[in-house]
Each structure stands twice: as structure tokens, then as C-alpha cells.
Amino acid sequence: MVNYWLMITAEFENVATLQPQGGCDDPSFTYFFKMKCGSCGELTDKETCVALERSVQIPGSKGTANLVQKCKFCEREGTVSLIPGKGKPLTQELSEAGKYTGLMMFDCRGYEPVGFLFEGGWMVETAAGTKFEDVDLSDGEFMEYDEKGKCSVMISNLKSGFVVAKGK
């Protein structure tokens, strides 16, 4: 078992926070990424989607996971479970410092997550407190005008990566 953090960063203009629509532990938010088989190293052809609200029984076990999938190449089975309660939104302070935030932790058995995609369902809160909901970041940026704050709002240079979580 290896736990991975999904780490994200971006450049902000008049943005206070960026996070999944209902917060970092939003059960309906779907994470899209490719997976690499821990046995043979094969990379999945398509993106895998995982959400907290979707849980399946692990074959031959009493446990459950958010995803159970078989490698198409070596046929080894692997699981992915999301670990809620640890992630934090990307803030203006972190963005200005060029730092990443751990958005969600994944317990991966038999797979390694790679290549996260910023699909729809994000919430952007501006420095003036305006909230833009259900934002689609799939094209890599977001631009809007905040009437309340009377300023342009922009997110650009989105980056992500998965890193092995250290400790508990």
C-alpha cells in the first residue's frame, strides 16, 4: 500500500482560493487521471475517474475501494481509495509563493496515479469574496470579472502531480 498526494498549484490574479465545488472532501467531485500498473508498468489508455461517493466491493475481500481495476496487459488487479479529511484548497498565499497544496490523498494498491486532468466542478473564491461555482478548468485557465470586487479574476499555469505521502 502506498499513499499518494495529488498536489496542485497555479498562478492567481485576484483569487483567494481554488478547490473542488463542495470543498476538498466533496463526495461527488470526480478526479480524472491515468494509472500505471505497479506490476508491469503499463499505462492506462484512458483516464480513470474516481469519486468518494462511488464505492465497490474488492473481489475476494470484505473491504471496499473507490475503484477496482484490472490491468489490460498483465491482468493484475489494483485498487484506489480516496482518503478524505487531509486535503486543503490552493490559496493565494501558496500561489504567490509558487508552492503546491495537497488536494486529496489516494491509497493505491497495485497502481500508481499519473497525469491528473483539471476537469469541471471547481469553485473559485475571489479576494473580494465572490464565488464562481462549477468552473471548468479543462482548458488550463479561468478568466472572469468580479463585479463585487470590480476587478478581473484569472487562474493560469495550472500544474499538478502525484507524490508519495510521507508518514501518516
N, C-alpha and C. Protein backbone atom coordinates (compact mmCIF):
# COMPACT_ATOMS: atom_id res chain seq x y z
N MET A 1 0.84 -1.18 0.00
CA MET A 1 0.00 0.00 0.00
C MET A 1 0.89 1.24 0.00
N VAL A 2 0.59 2.13 -0.92
CA VAL A 2 1.29 3.41 -0.99
C VAL A 2 0.25 4.51 -1.08
N ASN A 3 0.43 5.54 -0.27
CA ASN A 3 -0.45 6.70 -0.34
C ASN A 3 0.21 7.78 -1.18
N TYR A 4 -0.59 8.39 -2.04
CA TYR A 4 -0.11 9.46 -2.91
C TYR A 4 -0.92 10.73 -2.66
N TRP A 5 -0.25 11.86 -2.63
CA TRP A 5 -0.92 13.15 -2.58
C TRP A 5 -1.10 13.66 -4.00
N LEU A 6 -2.29 14.17 -4.30
CA LEU A 6 -2.50 14.93 -5.53
C LEU A 6 -2.12 16.36 -5.17
N MET A 7 -1.05 16.86 -5.77
CA MET A 7 -0.55 18.20 -5.49
C MET A 7 -0.90 19.11 -6.67
N ILE A 8 -1.43 20.31 -6.36
CA ILE A 8 -1.76 21.26 -7.42
C ILE A 8 -1.20 22.64 -7.09
N THR A 9 -0.95 23.42 -8.13
CA THR A 9 -0.57 24.81 -7.99
C THR A 9 -1.05 25.55 -9.23
N ALA A 10 -1.07 26.87 -9.15
CA ALA A 10 -1.49 27.72 -10.27
C ALA A 10 -1.08 29.15 -9.99
N GLU A 11 -1.15 29.98 -11.01
CA GLU A 11 -0.93 31.41 -10.82
C GLU A 11 -2.30 32.06 -10.69
N PHE A 12 -2.45 32.90 -9.67
CA PHE A 12 -3.72 33.58 -9.38
C PHE A 12 -3.63 35.08 -9.64
N GLU A 13 -4.74 35.63 -10.07
CA GLU A 13 -4.92 37.08 -10.12
C GLU A 13 -6.25 37.38 -9.45
N ASN A 14 -6.20 38.01 -8.29
CA ASN A 14 -7.39 38.36 -7.50
C ASN A 14 -8.22 37.14 -7.09
N VAL A 15 -7.56 36.02 -6.87
CA VAL A 15 -8.21 34.78 -6.43
C VAL A 15 -7.72 34.47 -5.02
N ALA A 16 -8.65 34.14 -4.13
CA ALA A 16 -8.30 33.78 -2.75
C ALA A 16 -8.08 32.27 -2.62
N THR A 17 -9.02 31.46 -3.19
CA THR A 17 -8.89 30.01 -3.09
C THR A 17 -9.43 29.30 -4.34
N LEU A 18 -8.89 28.12 -4.56
CA LEU A 18 -9.35 27.20 -5.60
C LEU A 18 -9.48 25.83 -4.96
N GLN A 19 -10.67 25.21 -5.15
CA GLN A 19 -10.90 23.88 -4.59
C GLN A 19 -12.06 23.21 -5.33
N PRO A 20 -12.25 21.90 -5.13
CA PRO A 20 -13.43 21.26 -5.71
C PRO A 20 -14.70 21.95 -5.24
N GLN A 21 -15.74 21.89 -6.05
CA GLN A 21 -17.01 22.59 -5.81
C GLN A 21 -17.49 22.55 -4.36
N GLY A 22 -17.57 21.39 -3.75
CA GLY A 22 -18.08 21.27 -2.39
C GLY A 22 -16.98 21.18 -1.34
N GLY A 23 -15.78 21.60 -1.66
CA GLY A 23 -14.64 21.51 -0.75
C GLY A 23 -13.77 20.31 -1.10
N CYS A 24 -12.65 20.20 -0.45
CA CYS A 24 -11.70 19.13 -0.77
C CYS A 24 -12.26 17.73 -0.55
N ASP A 25 -13.24 17.60 0.35
CA ASP A 25 -13.83 16.29 0.63
C ASP A 25 -15.19 16.11 -0.02
N ASP A 26 -15.47 16.88 -1.07
CA ASP A 26 -16.75 16.79 -1.79
C ASP A 26 -16.93 15.36 -2.32
N PRO A 27 -17.93 14.63 -1.84
CA PRO A 27 -18.11 13.24 -2.27
C PRO A 27 -18.43 13.09 -3.75
N SER A 28 -19.01 14.11 -4.36
CA SER A 28 -19.40 13.98 -5.77
C SER A 28 -18.32 14.47 -6.74
N PHE A 29 -17.26 15.10 -6.24
CA PHE A 29 -16.20 15.59 -7.13
C PHE A 29 -15.46 14.40 -7.73
N THR A 30 -15.28 14.42 -9.03
CA THR A 30 -14.62 13.32 -9.72
C THR A 30 -13.19 13.70 -10.09
N TYR A 31 -12.25 12.85 -9.71
CA TYR A 31 -10.83 13.03 -10.03
C TYR A 31 -10.53 12.20 -11.28
N PHE A 32 -9.93 12.83 -12.29
CA PHE A 32 -9.58 12.15 -13.54
C PHE A 32 -8.06 12.08 -13.66
N PHE A 33 -7.54 10.87 -13.88
CA PHE A 33 -6.10 10.70 -14.05
C PHE A 33 -5.84 9.35 -14.72
N LYS A 34 -4.64 9.18 -15.22
CA LYS A 34 -4.23 7.89 -15.77
C LYS A 34 -3.56 7.10 -14.65
N MET A 35 -3.46 5.79 -14.85
CA MET A 35 -2.82 4.94 -13.86
C MET A 35 -1.75 4.08 -14.51
N LYS A 36 -0.71 3.83 -13.73
CA LYS A 36 0.39 2.98 -14.18
C LYS A 36 0.37 1.72 -13.33
N CYS A 37 0.37 0.57 -13.97
CA CYS A 37 0.36 -0.71 -13.26
C CYS A 37 1.65 -0.87 -12.47
N GLY A 38 1.51 -1.22 -11.19
CA GLY A 38 2.66 -1.42 -10.33
C GLY A 38 3.41 -2.71 -10.63
N SER A 39 2.79 -3.60 -11.39
CA SER A 39 3.42 -4.88 -11.71
C SER A 39 4.20 -4.82 -13.02
N CYS A 40 3.53 -4.39 -14.09
CA CYS A 40 4.18 -4.41 -15.41
C CYS A 40 4.55 -3.02 -15.94
N GLY A 41 4.05 -1.96 -15.30
CA GLY A 41 4.38 -0.61 -15.73
C GLY A 41 3.52 -0.07 -16.85
N GLU A 42 2.53 -0.84 -17.28
CA GLU A 42 1.65 -0.42 -18.36
C GLU A 42 0.81 0.79 -17.92
N LEU A 43 0.69 1.78 -18.80
CA LEU A 43 -0.10 2.97 -18.55
C LEU A 43 -1.49 2.78 -19.15
N THR A 44 -2.54 3.14 -18.40
CA THR A 44 -3.90 3.00 -18.93
C THR A 44 -4.09 3.88 -20.16
N ASP A 45 -4.88 3.39 -21.13
CA ASP A 45 -5.15 4.15 -22.35
C ASP A 45 -6.00 5.38 -22.07
N LYS A 46 -7.01 5.18 -21.24
CA LYS A 46 -7.96 6.26 -20.94
C LYS A 46 -7.78 6.73 -19.51
N GLU A 47 -8.32 7.92 -19.26
CA GLU A 47 -8.30 8.44 -17.89
C GLU A 47 -9.26 7.63 -17.03
N THR A 48 -8.88 7.45 -15.80
CA THR A 48 -9.71 6.78 -14.80
C THR A 48 -10.43 7.87 -14.02
N CYS A 49 -11.67 7.62 -13.63
CA CYS A 49 -12.38 8.59 -12.80
C CYS A 49 -12.72 7.94 -11.47
N VAL A 50 -12.45 8.70 -10.39
CA VAL A 50 -12.65 8.21 -9.03
C VAL A 50 -13.34 9.31 -8.22
N ALA A 51 -14.36 8.94 -7.44
CA ALA A 51 -15.06 9.88 -6.56
C ALA A 51 -15.35 9.20 -5.23
N LEU A 52 -15.38 9.99 -4.17
CA LEU A 52 -15.66 9.44 -2.84
C LEU A 52 -17.01 8.74 -2.76
N GLU A 53 -18.01 9.26 -3.48
CA GLU A 53 -19.36 8.70 -3.38
C GLU A 53 -19.51 7.34 -4.07
N ARG A 54 -18.53 6.97 -4.88
CA ARG A 54 -18.59 5.67 -5.56
C ARG A 54 -17.67 4.69 -4.86
N SER A 55 -18.26 3.60 -4.39
CA SER A 55 -17.51 2.58 -3.67
C SER A 55 -17.90 1.21 -4.20
N VAL A 56 -16.92 0.33 -4.36
CA VAL A 56 -17.18 -1.01 -4.86
C VAL A 56 -16.50 -2.04 -3.95
N GLN A 57 -17.06 -3.23 -3.94
CA GLN A 57 -16.50 -4.34 -3.18
C GLN A 57 -15.22 -4.83 -3.86
N ILE A 58 -14.19 -5.09 -3.05
CA ILE A 58 -12.96 -5.65 -3.58
C ILE A 58 -13.16 -7.16 -3.69
N PRO A 59 -13.03 -7.73 -4.90
CA PRO A 59 -13.23 -9.17 -5.07
C PRO A 59 -12.33 -10.00 -4.14
N GLY A 60 -12.93 -10.99 -3.48
CA GLY A 60 -12.19 -11.87 -2.59
C GLY A 60 -11.80 -11.22 -1.27
N SER A 61 -12.47 -10.12 -0.94
CA SER A 61 -12.16 -9.39 0.29
C SER A 61 -13.45 -8.86 0.92
N LYS A 62 -13.36 -8.49 2.18
CA LYS A 62 -14.51 -7.87 2.84
C LYS A 62 -14.47 -6.35 2.69
N GLY A 63 -13.38 -5.85 2.16
CA GLY A 63 -13.19 -4.41 2.03
C GLY A 63 -13.78 -3.81 0.77
N THR A 64 -13.79 -2.48 0.75
CA THR A 64 -14.27 -1.74 -0.41
C THR A 64 -13.19 -0.74 -0.84
N ALA A 65 -13.33 -0.25 -2.05
CA ALA A 65 -12.44 0.78 -2.59
C ALA A 65 -13.27 1.68 -3.50
N ASN A 66 -12.73 2.82 -3.83
CA ASN A 66 -13.43 3.72 -4.75
C ASN A 66 -13.25 3.27 -6.19
N LEU A 67 -12.25 2.43 -6.43
CA LEU A 67 -12.02 1.89 -7.76
C LEU A 67 -11.31 0.55 -7.65
N VAL A 68 -11.79 -0.43 -8.39
CA VAL A 68 -11.10 -1.71 -8.55
C VAL A 68 -10.95 -1.89 -10.05
N GLN A 69 -9.71 -2.12 -10.49
CA GLN A 69 -9.47 -2.22 -11.93
C GLN A 69 -8.39 -3.24 -12.21
N LYS A 70 -8.55 -3.94 -13.34
CA LYS A 70 -7.59 -4.94 -13.77
C LYS A 70 -6.72 -4.36 -14.87
N CYS A 71 -5.43 -4.61 -14.81
CA CYS A 71 -4.51 -4.17 -15.86
C CYS A 71 -4.82 -4.95 -17.14
N LYS A 72 -4.97 -4.24 -18.24
CA LYS A 72 -5.29 -4.90 -19.51
C LYS A 72 -4.12 -5.71 -20.04
N PHE A 73 -2.91 -5.37 -19.60
CA PHE A 73 -1.73 -6.06 -20.11
C PHE A 73 -1.39 -7.31 -19.31
N CYS A 74 -1.22 -7.17 -17.97
CA CYS A 74 -0.81 -8.33 -17.15
C CYS A 74 -1.96 -8.93 -16.35
N GLU A 75 -3.12 -8.29 -16.39
CA GLU A 75 -4.34 -8.76 -15.73
C GLU A 75 -4.28 -8.76 -14.20
N ARG A 76 -3.27 -8.07 -13.62
CA ARG A 76 -3.23 -7.94 -12.16
C ARG A 76 -4.25 -6.90 -11.74
N GLU A 77 -4.87 -7.16 -10.61
CA GLU A 77 -5.90 -6.26 -10.12
C GLU A 77 -5.30 -5.25 -9.15
N GLY A 78 -5.82 -4.03 -9.21
CA GLY A 78 -5.38 -2.98 -8.30
C GLY A 78 -6.57 -2.19 -7.80
N THR A 79 -6.37 -1.46 -6.71
CA THR A 79 -7.44 -0.64 -6.15
C THR A 79 -6.95 0.77 -5.87
N VAL A 80 -7.91 1.69 -5.85
CA VAL A 80 -7.64 3.08 -5.47
C VAL A 80 -8.75 3.50 -4.51
N SER A 81 -8.34 4.03 -3.35
CA SER A 81 -9.29 4.56 -2.37
C SER A 81 -8.88 5.99 -2.03
N LEU A 82 -9.86 6.88 -2.00
CA LEU A 82 -9.61 8.26 -1.61
C LEU A 82 -9.62 8.34 -0.09
N ILE A 83 -8.73 9.15 0.47
CA ILE A 83 -8.64 9.32 1.91
C ILE A 83 -9.05 10.75 2.24
N PRO A 84 -10.31 10.96 2.65
CA PRO A 84 -10.79 12.32 2.93
C PRO A 84 -10.25 12.87 4.25
N GLY A 85 -10.41 14.17 4.43
CA GLY A 85 -10.06 14.82 5.69
C GLY A 85 -8.65 15.33 5.78
N LYS A 86 -7.88 15.23 4.72
CA LYS A 86 -6.48 15.65 4.78
C LYS A 86 -6.16 16.78 3.79
N GLY A 87 -6.96 16.91 2.73
CA GLY A 87 -6.66 17.89 1.68
C GLY A 87 -6.98 19.32 2.06
N LYS A 88 -6.33 20.25 1.36
CA LYS A 88 -6.53 21.68 1.59
C LYS A 88 -6.65 22.39 0.25
N PRO A 89 -7.44 23.48 0.20
CA PRO A 89 -7.56 24.25 -1.04
C PRO A 89 -6.24 24.95 -1.38
N LEU A 90 -6.10 25.31 -2.64
CA LEU A 90 -4.97 26.14 -3.07
C LEU A 90 -5.32 27.57 -2.73
N THR A 91 -4.45 28.24 -1.97
CA THR A 91 -4.72 29.60 -1.52
C THR A 91 -3.85 30.61 -2.27
N GLN A 92 -4.23 31.86 -2.14
CA GLN A 92 -3.48 32.95 -2.75
C GLN A 92 -2.04 32.96 -2.22
N GLU A 93 -1.86 32.74 -0.93
CA GLU A 93 -0.53 32.75 -0.33
C GLU A 93 0.37 31.66 -0.94
N LEU A 94 -0.18 30.46 -1.07
CA LEU A 94 0.59 29.36 -1.67
C LEU A 94 0.91 29.66 -3.13
N SER A 95 -0.09 30.19 -3.85
CA SER A 95 0.10 30.53 -5.26
C SER A 95 1.21 31.56 -5.43
N GLU A 96 1.17 32.62 -4.63
CA GLU A 96 2.18 33.67 -4.72
C GLU A 96 3.57 33.15 -4.40
N ALA A 97 3.66 32.17 -3.51
CA ALA A 97 4.95 31.59 -3.14
C ALA A 97 5.40 30.50 -4.12
N GLY A 98 4.54 30.19 -5.11
CA GLY A 98 4.87 29.14 -6.08
C GLY A 98 4.84 27.75 -5.49
N LYS A 99 4.08 27.58 -4.40
CA LYS A 99 4.01 26.29 -3.71
C LYS A 99 2.77 25.50 -4.13
N TYR A 100 2.85 24.20 -3.90
CA TYR A 100 1.75 23.29 -4.18
C TYR A 100 0.96 23.04 -2.90
N THR A 101 -0.29 22.61 -3.06
CA THR A 101 -1.08 22.16 -1.93
C THR A 101 -1.52 20.72 -2.18
N GLY A 102 -1.64 19.94 -1.11
CA GLY A 102 -2.15 18.57 -1.21
C GLY A 102 -3.66 18.61 -1.22
N LEU A 103 -4.27 18.32 -2.36
CA LEU A 103 -5.72 18.44 -2.52
C LEU A 103 -6.45 17.19 -2.02
N MET A 104 -5.93 16.02 -2.34
CA MET A 104 -6.55 14.76 -1.92
C MET A 104 -5.47 13.69 -1.81
N MET A 105 -5.67 12.77 -0.86
CA MET A 105 -4.75 11.65 -0.71
C MET A 105 -5.40 10.39 -1.26
N PHE A 106 -4.61 9.58 -1.95
CA PHE A 106 -5.08 8.35 -2.58
C PHE A 106 -4.30 7.17 -2.02
N ASP A 107 -5.03 6.13 -1.59
CA ASP A 107 -4.43 4.87 -1.16
C ASP A 107 -4.45 3.97 -2.39
N CYS A 108 -3.28 3.68 -2.94
CA CYS A 108 -3.19 2.91 -4.18
C CYS A 108 -2.52 1.57 -3.92
N ARG A 109 -3.16 0.52 -4.37
CA ARG A 109 -2.61 -0.83 -4.24
C ARG A 109 -2.58 -1.46 -5.62
N GLY A 110 -1.36 -1.64 -6.12
CA GLY A 110 -1.20 -2.23 -7.45
C GLY A 110 -1.17 -1.21 -8.58
N TYR A 111 -1.40 0.04 -8.29
CA TYR A 111 -1.38 1.10 -9.29
C TYR A 111 -0.69 2.34 -8.75
N GLU A 112 -0.20 3.16 -9.67
CA GLU A 112 0.34 4.47 -9.33
C GLU A 112 -0.41 5.50 -10.16
N PRO A 113 -0.98 6.55 -9.53
CA PRO A 113 -1.69 7.57 -10.30
C PRO A 113 -0.71 8.49 -11.02
N VAL A 114 -1.03 8.86 -12.26
CA VAL A 114 -0.21 9.79 -13.04
C VAL A 114 -1.12 10.66 -13.89
N GLY A 115 -0.67 11.85 -14.25
CA GLY A 115 -1.36 12.69 -15.22
C GLY A 115 -2.75 13.16 -14.85
N PHE A 116 -2.90 13.91 -13.78
CA PHE A 116 -4.19 14.44 -13.36
C PHE A 116 -4.73 15.44 -14.38
N LEU A 117 -6.07 15.40 -14.60
CA LEU A 117 -6.74 16.34 -15.50
C LEU A 117 -7.66 17.26 -14.70
N PHE A 118 -7.57 18.55 -14.97
CA PHE A 118 -8.43 19.55 -14.30
C PHE A 118 -9.77 19.63 -15.04
N GLU A 119 -10.65 18.70 -14.78
CA GLU A 119 -11.98 18.72 -15.41
C GLU A 119 -12.91 19.63 -14.61
N GLY A 120 -14.19 19.68 -14.97
CA GLY A 120 -15.17 20.59 -14.35
C GLY A 120 -15.45 20.32 -12.89
N GLY A 121 -16.20 21.26 -12.28
CA GLY A 121 -16.63 21.08 -10.91
C GLY A 121 -15.80 21.80 -9.86
N TRP A 122 -15.09 22.87 -10.23
CA TRP A 122 -14.25 23.61 -9.29
C TRP A 122 -14.97 24.85 -8.78
N MET A 123 -14.55 25.31 -7.61
CA MET A 123 -15.06 26.56 -7.05
C MET A 123 -13.89 27.53 -6.88
N VAL A 124 -14.09 28.74 -7.38
CA VAL A 124 -13.10 29.79 -7.28
C VAL A 124 -13.69 30.89 -6.39
N GLU A 125 -12.97 31.25 -5.33
CA GLU A 125 -13.39 32.37 -4.50
C GLU A 125 -12.40 33.50 -4.69
N THR A 126 -12.93 34.69 -4.98
CA THR A 126 -12.07 35.83 -5.24
C THR A 126 -11.62 36.50 -3.95
N ALA A 127 -10.69 37.40 -4.09
CA ALA A 127 -10.19 38.16 -2.94
C ALA A 127 -11.31 39.00 -2.32
N ALA A 128 -12.33 39.37 -3.12
CA ALA A 128 -13.47 40.16 -2.62
C ALA A 128 -14.57 39.28 -2.03
N GLY A 129 -14.41 37.95 -2.09
CA GLY A 129 -15.40 37.04 -1.52
C GLY A 129 -16.44 36.50 -2.49
N THR A 130 -16.36 36.88 -3.76
CA THR A 130 -17.28 36.36 -4.77
C THR A 130 -16.92 34.91 -5.06
N LYS A 131 -17.95 34.05 -5.21
CA LYS A 131 -17.70 32.65 -5.53
C LYS A 131 -18.20 32.33 -6.93
N PHE A 132 -17.31 31.76 -7.73
CA PHE A 132 -17.68 31.24 -9.05
C PHE A 132 -17.75 29.73 -8.89
N GLU A 133 -18.92 29.15 -9.21
CA GLU A 133 -19.12 27.73 -8.99
C GLU A 133 -19.16 26.94 -10.28
N ASP A 134 -18.90 25.65 -10.16
CA ASP A 134 -18.89 24.70 -11.27
C ASP A 134 -17.98 25.16 -12.41
N VAL A 135 -16.80 25.63 -12.04
CA VAL A 135 -15.82 26.13 -13.00
C VAL A 135 -15.13 24.95 -13.69
N ASP A 136 -15.02 25.04 -15.01
CA ASP A 136 -14.33 24.02 -15.80
C ASP A 136 -12.92 24.52 -16.08
N LEU A 137 -11.93 23.80 -15.59
CA LEU A 137 -10.53 24.18 -15.79
C LEU A 137 -9.83 23.31 -16.81
N SER A 138 -10.61 22.56 -17.60
CA SER A 138 -10.01 21.60 -18.54
C SER A 138 -9.16 22.26 -19.62
N ASP A 139 -9.40 23.55 -19.92
CA ASP A 139 -8.56 24.21 -20.92
C ASP A 139 -7.34 24.88 -20.29
N GLY A 140 -7.13 24.70 -18.98
CA GLY A 140 -5.92 25.16 -18.32
C GLY A 140 -5.96 26.56 -17.75
N GLU A 141 -7.11 27.24 -17.88
CA GLU A 141 -7.19 28.58 -17.31
C GLU A 141 -8.64 28.98 -17.04
N PHE A 142 -8.78 30.06 -16.30
CA PHE A 142 -10.09 30.60 -15.97
C PHE A 142 -9.97 32.12 -15.95
N MET A 143 -10.89 32.80 -16.64
CA MET A 143 -10.91 34.26 -16.65
C MET A 143 -12.35 34.72 -16.47
N GLU A 144 -12.53 35.71 -15.60
CA GLU A 144 -13.86 36.23 -15.32
C GLU A 144 -13.70 37.64 -14.77
N TYR A 145 -14.82 38.32 -14.60
CA TYR A 145 -14.80 39.65 -13.98
C TYR A 145 -15.62 39.59 -12.71
N ASP A 146 -15.05 40.08 -11.61
CA ASP A 146 -15.71 40.11 -10.31
C ASP A 146 -16.37 41.47 -10.14
N GLU A 147 -17.70 41.50 -10.27
CA GLU A 147 -18.46 42.75 -10.14
C GLU A 147 -18.33 43.34 -8.74
N LYS A 148 -18.37 42.47 -7.74
CA LYS A 148 -18.29 42.92 -6.34
C LYS A 148 -16.94 43.60 -6.06
N GLY A 149 -15.87 42.96 -6.51
CA GLY A 149 -14.52 43.49 -6.28
C GLY A 149 -14.06 44.45 -7.36
N LYS A 150 -14.85 44.58 -8.43
CA LYS A 150 -14.53 45.45 -9.56
C LYS A 150 -13.12 45.19 -10.10
N CYS A 151 -12.86 43.89 -10.38
CA CYS A 151 -11.53 43.52 -10.87
C CYS A 151 -11.63 42.25 -11.71
N SER A 152 -10.62 42.07 -12.55
CA SER A 152 -10.55 40.83 -13.32
C SER A 152 -10.03 39.72 -12.41
N VAL A 153 -10.45 38.51 -12.73
CA VAL A 153 -10.06 37.32 -11.96
C VAL A 153 -9.47 36.33 -12.96
N MET A 154 -8.32 35.77 -12.60
CA MET A 154 -7.70 34.84 -13.54
C MET A 154 -6.93 33.75 -12.79
N ILE A 155 -7.04 32.53 -13.35
CA ILE A 155 -6.22 31.40 -12.92
C ILE A 155 -5.51 30.91 -14.17
N SER A 156 -4.20 30.76 -14.08
CA SER A 156 -3.43 30.28 -15.22
C SER A 156 -2.29 29.39 -14.73
N ASN A 157 -1.61 28.81 -15.68
CA ASN A 157 -0.44 27.98 -15.39
C ASN A 157 -0.74 26.89 -14.37
N LEU A 158 -1.87 26.20 -14.56
CA LEU A 158 -2.24 25.09 -13.67
C LEU A 158 -1.23 23.96 -13.81
N LYS A 159 -0.81 23.44 -12.67
CA LYS A 159 0.12 22.31 -12.65
C LYS A 159 -0.33 21.32 -11.60
N SER A 160 -0.04 20.07 -11.83
CA SER A 160 -0.38 19.03 -10.86
C SER A 160 0.64 17.91 -10.91
N GLY A 161 0.63 17.11 -9.87
CA GLY A 161 1.49 15.95 -9.81
C GLY A 161 1.10 15.09 -8.62
N PHE A 162 1.54 13.86 -8.66
CA PHE A 162 1.30 12.95 -7.54
C PHE A 162 2.64 12.67 -6.87
N VAL A 163 2.65 12.77 -5.54
CA VAL A 163 3.86 12.47 -4.79
C VAL A 163 3.52 11.47 -3.68
N VAL A 164 4.49 10.63 -3.35
CA VAL A 164 4.29 9.67 -2.28
C VAL A 164 4.15 10.41 -0.96
N ALA A 165 3.11 10.05 -0.20
CA ALA A 165 2.86 10.69 1.10
C ALA A 165 3.83 10.11 2.12
N LYS A 166 4.45 10.98 2.86
CA LYS A 166 5.38 10.54 3.90
C LYS A 166 4.66 10.53 5.24
N GLY A 167 4.94 9.56 6.06
CA GLY A 167 4.31 9.47 7.39
C GLY A 167 2.85 9.08 7.29
N LYS A 168 2.07 9.44 8.31
CA LYS A 168 0.66 9.06 8.34
C LYS A 168 -0.15 10.15 7.79
